[in-house]
C-alpha atoms as a PDB file:
ATOM      1  CA  MET A   1     -13.269  10.844 -24.121  1.00  0.00           C
ATOM      2  CA  SER A   2     -13.877  11.442 -20.497  1.00  0.00           C
ATOM      3  CA  THR A   3     -12.507   9.282 -17.699  1.00  0.00           C
ATOM      4  CA  PRO A   4     -15.094   7.963 -15.350  1.00  0.00           C
ATOM      5  CA  THR A   5     -15.554   9.541 -11.870  1.00  0.00           C
ATOM      6  CA  THR A   6     -17.062   6.402 -10.298  1.00  0.00           C
ATOM      7  CA  PRO A   7     -15.311   2.999 -11.144  1.00  0.00           C
ATOM      8  CA  ASN A   8     -16.981  -0.317 -11.647  1.00  0.00           C
ATOM      9  CA  SER A   9     -16.547  -2.436  -8.534  1.00  0.00           C
ATOM     10  CA  PRO A  10     -13.450  -4.524  -8.459  1.00  0.00           C
ATOM     11  CA  THR A  11     -15.951  -7.485  -7.601  1.00  0.00           C
ATOM     12  CA  ASP A  12     -17.918  -6.974 -10.836  1.00  0.00           C
ATOM     13  CA  PRO A  13     -18.397 -10.475 -12.302  1.00  0.00           C
ATOM     14  CA  SER A  14     -17.343  -9.304 -15.672  1.00  0.00           C
ATOM     15  CA  ASN A  15     -13.873  -8.545 -14.297  1.00  0.00           C
ATOM     16  CA  HIS A  16     -13.162 -11.979 -12.967  1.00  0.00           C
ATOM     17  CA  GLY A  17     -10.911 -14.714 -13.992  1.00  0.00           C
ATOM     18  CA  ASN A  18      -7.426 -15.042 -15.170  1.00  0.00           C
ATOM     19  CA  HIS A  19      -7.389 -13.921 -18.862  1.00  0.00           C
ATOM     20  CA  GLY A  20      -4.720 -13.475 -21.354  1.00  0.00           C
ATOM     21  CA  GLY A  21      -5.718 -12.280 -24.746  1.00  0.00           C
ATOM     22  CA  PRO A  22      -3.373 -11.139 -27.488  1.00  0.00           C
ATOM     23  CA  GLY A  23      -0.359  -9.221 -26.108  1.00  0.00           C
ATOM     24  CA  ASN A  24       1.700  -6.379 -27.532  1.00  0.00           C
ATOM     25  CA  HIS A  25       5.469  -6.302 -27.379  1.00  0.00           C
ATOM     26  CA  GLY A  26       5.645 -10.047 -26.578  1.00  0.00           C
ATOM     27  CA  GLY A  27       3.240  -9.758 -23.550  1.00  0.00           C
ATOM     28  CA  PRO A  28       1.728 -12.723 -21.756  1.00  0.00           C
ATOM     29  CA  SER A  29      -0.692 -14.683 -23.749  1.00  0.00           C
ATOM     30  CA  GLY A  30      -2.718 -16.302 -21.053  1.00  0.00           C
ATOM     31  CA  SER A  31      -0.157 -18.478 -19.360  1.00  0.00           C
ATOM     32  CA  GLU A  32      -1.827 -17.525 -15.992  1.00  0.00           C
ATOM     33  CA  GLY A  33      -5.098 -19.332 -16.920  1.00  0.00           C
ATOM     34  CA  SER A  34      -7.629 -19.693 -19.641  1.00  0.00           C
ATOM     35  CA  THR A  35      -7.805 -17.001 -22.250  1.00  0.00           C
ATOM     36  CA  ASN A  36     -10.723 -14.816 -22.432  1.00  0.00           C
ATOM     37  CA  PRO A  37     -11.132 -13.483 -26.103  1.00  0.00           C
ATOM     38  CA  THR A  38     -13.185 -10.515 -24.910  1.00  0.00           C
ATOM     39  CA  LEU A  39     -10.077  -9.146 -23.067  1.00  0.00           C
ATOM     40  CA  ARG A  40      -7.072  -7.829 -24.723  1.00  0.00           C
ATOM     41  CA  TYR A  41      -3.746  -7.088 -23.063  1.00  0.00           C
ATOM     42  CA  PHE A  42      -1.117  -4.298 -23.657  1.00  0.00           C
ATOM     43  CA  GLU A  43       2.219  -3.639 -22.057  1.00  0.00           C
ATOM     44  CA  ASP A  44       5.036  -1.342 -22.989  1.00  0.00           C
ATOM     45  CA  VAL A  45       7.119   1.421 -21.531  1.00  0.00           C
ATOM     46  CA  VAL A  46       5.623   4.647 -22.791  1.00  0.00           C
ATOM     47  CA  ASP A  47       7.585   7.925 -23.050  1.00  0.00           C
ATOM     48  CA  TRP A  48       5.684  11.124 -22.067  1.00  0.00           C
ATOM     49  CA  ARG A  49       6.789  14.717 -21.469  1.00  0.00           C
ATOM     50  CA  HIS A  50       6.444  16.025 -17.870  1.00  0.00           C
ATOM     51  CA  ARG A  51       4.852  19.428 -17.865  1.00  0.00           C
ATOM     52  CA  ARG A  52       7.594  20.979 -15.877  1.00  0.00           C
ATOM     53  CA  ALA A  53      10.725  18.688 -16.112  1.00  0.00           C
ATOM     54  CA  GLY A  54      10.879  17.231 -19.571  1.00  0.00           C
ATOM     55  CA  ARG A  55      11.198  13.628 -21.073  1.00  0.00           C
ATOM     56  CA  ALA A  56       9.966  10.767 -18.825  1.00  0.00           C
ATOM     57  CA  HIS A  57       8.840   7.219 -19.215  1.00  0.00           C
ATOM     58  CA  THR A  58       6.543   4.787 -17.428  1.00  0.00           C
ATOM     59  CA  LEU A  59       5.589   1.161 -17.512  1.00  0.00           C
ATOM     60  CA  VAL A  60       1.932   0.603 -18.625  1.00  0.00           C
ATOM     61  CA  ARG A  61       0.016  -2.631 -18.506  1.00  0.00           C
ATOM     62  CA  ALA A  62      -3.702  -2.444 -19.713  1.00  0.00           C
ATOM     63  CA  VAL A  63      -6.586  -4.581 -20.413  1.00  0.00           C
ATOM     64  CA  HIS A  64      -9.335  -3.662 -22.977  1.00  0.00           C
ATOM     65  CA  SER A  65     -12.721  -5.417 -22.792  1.00  0.00           C
ATOM     66  CA  THR A  66     -14.023  -5.706 -26.245  1.00  0.00           C
ATOM     67  CA  THR A  67     -17.531  -6.084 -24.821  1.00  0.00           C
ATOM     68  CA  THR A  68     -17.607  -2.840 -22.831  1.00  0.00           C
ATOM     69  CA  GLY A  69     -14.770  -0.889 -24.393  1.00  0.00           C
ATOM     70  CA  ARG A  70     -13.574  -0.316 -20.909  1.00  0.00           C
ATOM     71  CA  VAL A  71      -9.744  -0.118 -20.240  1.00  0.00           C
ATOM     72  CA  VAL A  72      -7.944  -0.727 -16.888  1.00  0.00           C
ATOM     73  CA  ALA A  73      -4.482   0.761 -17.041  1.00  0.00           C
ATOM     74  CA  VAL A  74      -1.836   0.158 -14.525  1.00  0.00           C
ATOM     75  CA  VAL A  75       1.018   2.827 -14.817  1.00  0.00           C
ATOM     76  CA  SER A  76       4.059   1.845 -12.790  1.00  0.00           C
ATOM     77  CA  GLU A  77       6.637   4.452 -11.702  1.00  0.00           C
ATOM     78  CA  LEU A  78      10.063   3.276 -12.535  1.00  0.00           C
ATOM     79  CA  ALA A  79      13.360   4.047 -10.683  1.00  0.00           C
ATOM     80  CA  SER A  80      14.950   4.695 -14.155  1.00  0.00           C
ATOM     81  CA  ASN A  81      12.694   7.822 -14.593  1.00  0.00           C
ATOM     82  CA  PRO A  82      14.260  10.999 -13.181  1.00  0.00           C
ATOM     83  CA  ASP A  83      13.190  11.779  -9.658  1.00  0.00           C
ATOM     84  CA  ASP A  84      11.613  15.170 -10.616  1.00  0.00           C
ATOM     85  CA  ARG A  85       9.296  13.453 -13.229  1.00  0.00           C
ATOM     86  CA  GLY A  86       7.070  11.420 -11.117  1.00  0.00           C
ATOM     87  CA  VAL A  87       3.861  10.047 -12.730  1.00  0.00           C
ATOM     88  CA  THR A  88       1.462  11.362  -9.913  1.00  0.00           C
ATOM     89  CA  ASP A  89       3.058  14.751 -10.290  1.00  0.00           C
ATOM     90  CA  ASP A  90       1.611  15.035 -13.802  1.00  0.00           C
ATOM     91  CA  PHE A  91      -0.605  12.159 -14.346  1.00  0.00           C
ATOM     92  CA  GLY A  92      -2.644  14.161 -16.883  1.00  0.00           C
ATOM     93  CA  SER A  93       0.297  14.180 -19.238  1.00  0.00           C
ATOM     94  CA  VAL A  94       0.896  10.510 -18.581  1.00  0.00           C
ATOM     95  CA  ALA A  95      -2.700   9.831 -19.702  1.00  0.00           C
ATOM     96  CA  ASP A  96      -2.280  12.137 -22.824  1.00  0.00           C
ATOM     97  CA  ALA A  97       0.749  10.005 -23.914  1.00  0.00           C
ATOM     98  CA  VAL A  98      -0.649   6.742 -23.005  1.00  0.00           C
ATOM     99  CA  LEU A  99      -4.104   6.933 -24.797  1.00  0.00           C
ATOM    100  CA  PRO A 100      -2.709   7.007 -28.407  1.00  0.00           C
ATOM    101  CA  ALA A 101      -0.626   3.937 -27.506  1.00  0.00           C
ATOM    102  CA  LEU A 102      -3.841   2.221 -26.187  1.00  0.00           C
ATOM    103  CA  ARG A 103      -5.826   3.276 -29.373  1.00  0.00           C
ATOM    104  CA  ARG A 104      -3.048   1.740 -31.631  1.00  0.00           C
ATOM    105  CA  ALA A 105      -2.920  -1.472 -29.578  1.00  0.00           C
ATOM    106  CA  PHE A 106      -6.639  -2.112 -29.202  1.00  0.00           C
ATOM    107  CA  GLY A 107      -7.732  -0.608 -32.499  1.00  0.00           C
ATOM    108  CA  ALA A 108     -10.433   1.351 -30.876  1.00  0.00           C
ATOM    109  CA  GLU A 109     -11.057   4.484 -28.686  1.00  0.00           C
ATOM    110  CA  PRO A 110     -11.568   3.289 -24.998  1.00  0.00           C
ATOM    111  CA  VAL A 111     -15.065   4.104 -23.741  1.00  0.00           C
ATOM    112  CA  GLU A 112     -13.532   4.794 -20.319  1.00  0.00           C
ATOM    113  CA  VAL A 113     -10.202   4.270 -18.876  1.00  0.00           C
ATOM    114  CA  PHE A 114      -9.699   3.282 -15.164  1.00  0.00           C
ATOM    115  CA  TRP A 115      -6.261   4.708 -14.252  1.00  0.00           C
ATOM    116  CA  ILE A 116      -4.166   3.114 -11.617  1.00  0.00           C
ATOM    117  CA  ALA A 117      -0.700   4.358 -10.387  1.00  0.00           C
ATOM    118  CA  HIS A 118       1.504   1.784  -9.238  1.00  0.00           C
ATOM    119  CA  PHE A 119       4.667   2.079  -6.879  1.00  0.00           C
ATOM    120  CA  GLY A 120       7.029  -0.423  -5.322  1.00  0.00           C
ATOM    121  CA  ALA A 121      10.600  -1.322  -4.860  1.00  0.00           C
ATOM    122  CA  PHE A 122      11.043  -0.922  -8.630  1.00  0.00           C
ATOM    123  CA  SER A 123      10.005   2.813  -8.362  1.00  0.00           C
ATOM    124  CA  TYR A 124      12.840   4.043  -6.284  1.00  0.00           C
ATOM    125  CA  HIS A 125      16.630   3.675  -5.839  1.00  0.00           C
ATOM    126  CA  ASP A 126      16.074   3.482  -2.063  1.00  0.00           C
ATOM    127  CA  PRO A 127      12.650   1.866  -1.534  1.00  0.00           C
ATOM    128  CA  THR A 128      10.981   2.792   1.639  1.00  0.00           C
ATOM    129  CA  GLY A 129       7.448   1.233   1.585  1.00  0.00           C
ATOM    130  CA  PRO A 130       5.323  -1.564   0.323  1.00  0.00           C
ATOM    131  CA  GLU A 131       3.946  -1.916  -3.143  1.00  0.00           C
ATOM    132  CA  SER A 132       0.971   0.480  -3.515  1.00  0.00           C
ATOM    133  CA  PHE A 133      -1.832   0.997  -6.047  1.00  0.00           C
ATOM    134  CA  THR A 134      -3.915   4.287  -6.297  1.00  0.00           C
ATOM    135  CA  GLN A 135      -6.838   5.088  -8.687  1.00  0.00           C
ATOM    136  CA  ILE A 136      -6.341   8.404 -10.215  1.00  0.00           C
ATOM    137  CA  LEU A 137      -9.415  10.320 -11.303  1.00  0.00           C
ATOM    138  CA  LEU A 138      -8.814  12.465 -14.428  1.00  0.00           C
ATOM    139  CA  THR A 139     -10.936  15.002 -16.204  1.00  0.00           C
ATOM    140  CA  ALA A 140     -10.606  15.417 -19.947  1.00  0.00           C
ATOM    141  CA  GLY A 141     -10.309  19.016 -21.138  1.00  0.00           C
ATOM    142  CA  PRO A 142      -9.560  20.906 -24.286  1.00  0.00           C
ATOM    143  CA  ASN A 143      -5.908  20.974 -23.512  1.00  0.00           C
ATOM    144  CA  GLY A 144      -5.600  17.334 -22.355  1.00  0.00           C
ATOM    145  CA  HIS A 145      -6.338  15.515 -19.146  1.00  0.00           C
ATOM    146  CA  VAL A 146      -6.159  17.035 -15.662  1.00  0.00           C
ATOM    147  CA  ASP A 147      -5.764  15.495 -12.299  1.00  0.00           C
ATOM    148  CA  ASP A 148      -7.449  17.500  -9.675  1.00  0.00           C
ATOM    149  CA  LEU A 149      -5.946  15.304  -6.770  1.00  0.00           C
ATOM    150  CA  THR A 150      -9.275  14.667  -5.322  1.00  0.00           C
ATOM    151  CA  GLY A 151     -11.287  11.378  -5.175  1.00  0.00           C
ATOM    152  CA  ASP A 152      -8.122   9.041  -5.448  1.00  0.00           C
ATOM    153  CA  ARG A 153      -8.625   5.710  -3.921  1.00  0.00           C
ATOM    154  CA  THR A 154      -6.085   2.994  -2.811  1.00  0.00           C
ATOM    155  CA  PHE A 155      -6.407  -0.802  -3.946  1.00  0.00           C
ATOM    156  CA  THR A 156      -4.817  -4.094  -2.917  1.00  0.00           C
ATOM    157  CA  VAL A 157      -2.956  -6.038  -5.417  1.00  0.00           C
ATOM    158  CA  ARG A 158      -5.821  -8.495  -5.372  1.00  0.00           C
ATOM    159  CA  ASP A 159      -8.261  -5.662  -6.166  1.00  0.00           C
ATOM    160  CA  VAL A 160      -6.221  -4.677  -9.229  1.00  0.00           C
ATOM    161  CA  GLU A 161      -5.855  -8.298 -10.508  1.00  0.00           C
ATOM    162  CA  GLU A 162      -9.659  -8.571 -10.272  1.00  0.00           C
ATOM    163  CA  LEU A 163      -9.921  -5.382 -12.167  1.00  0.00           C
ATOM    164  CA  LEU A 164      -7.442  -6.492 -14.757  1.00  0.00           C
ATOM    165  CA  GLY A 165      -8.973 -10.074 -15.021  1.00  0.00           C
ATOM    166  CA  ARG A 166      -5.411 -11.499 -14.560  1.00  0.00           C
ATOM    167  CA  ALA A 167      -2.432 -11.828 -12.354  1.00  0.00           C
ATOM    168  CA  LEU A 168      -0.063  -8.791 -12.260  1.00  0.00           C
ATOM    169  CA  GLU A 169       3.467 -10.014 -13.084  1.00  0.00           C
ATOM    170  CA  PRO A 170       6.283  -8.461 -11.309  1.00  0.00           C
ATOM    171  CA  VAL A 171       7.577  -5.213 -12.858  1.00  0.00           C
ATOM    172  CA  ASP A 172      11.128  -6.615 -13.371  1.00  0.00           C
ATOM    173  CA  ARG A 173       9.907  -9.625 -15.318  1.00  0.00           C
ATOM    174  CA  VAL A 174       7.846  -7.437 -17.654  1.00  0.00           C
ATOM    175  CA  LEU A 175      10.605  -5.031 -18.206  1.00  0.00           C
ATOM    176  CA  ALA A 176      12.849  -7.965 -19.205  1.00  0.00           C
ATOM    177  CA  ARG A 177      10.534  -8.641 -22.194  1.00  0.00           C
ATOM    178  CA  ILE A 178      10.585  -4.974 -23.226  1.00  0.00           C
ATOM    179  CA  ASP A 179      13.407  -3.347 -25.031  1.00  0.00           C
ATOM    180  CA  HIS A 180      13.469   0.384 -24.113  1.00  0.00           C
ATOM    181  CA  GLU A 181      16.512   2.456 -23.704  1.00  0.00           C
ATOM    182  CA  ALA A 182      15.626   3.865 -20.401  1.00  0.00           C
ATOM    183  CA  THR A 183      15.211   0.447 -18.809  1.00  0.00           C
ATOM    184  CA  ARG A 184      18.253  -1.389 -20.062  1.00  0.00           C
ATOM    185  CA  GLY A 185      20.616  -2.527 -17.185  1.00  0.00           C
END
């Protein structure tokens, strides 16, 4: 499976509206608005192995379109993850770990995945900047995904919500629903 090099526009009409869909791990089921049965939601903390530093984890929220097969995945960096194991330092390994979880959750191979790295106060013990969203372009290869660090693009929260077709809940609220050893207070 290859990841697209050119995303669909955040203003594509097929991406609009607040949609819930069946959630995994007790995820939201459309409380933000009407439920669109063609969009399915996933949320979980996914463990992955950083290519240089070892075990790591990240919060993943994704929406799968049953009509297009497209997945939009928001990968949030968490402060509970060791500092030397950041998601953007090894996003290819993150994608390699997240894809099997998405396949299990959605029961299908994604046709394409639109990857978004997400950072904010929840990402660092000493936050220094505003919440940010960056599209990460990956290339699939025989040994997994690779991020060549080119073509990345920033988005606003509104852009991301349009891509997801739903409101993006605060990270702390989502983590409160998920029982994962690394995120327990």
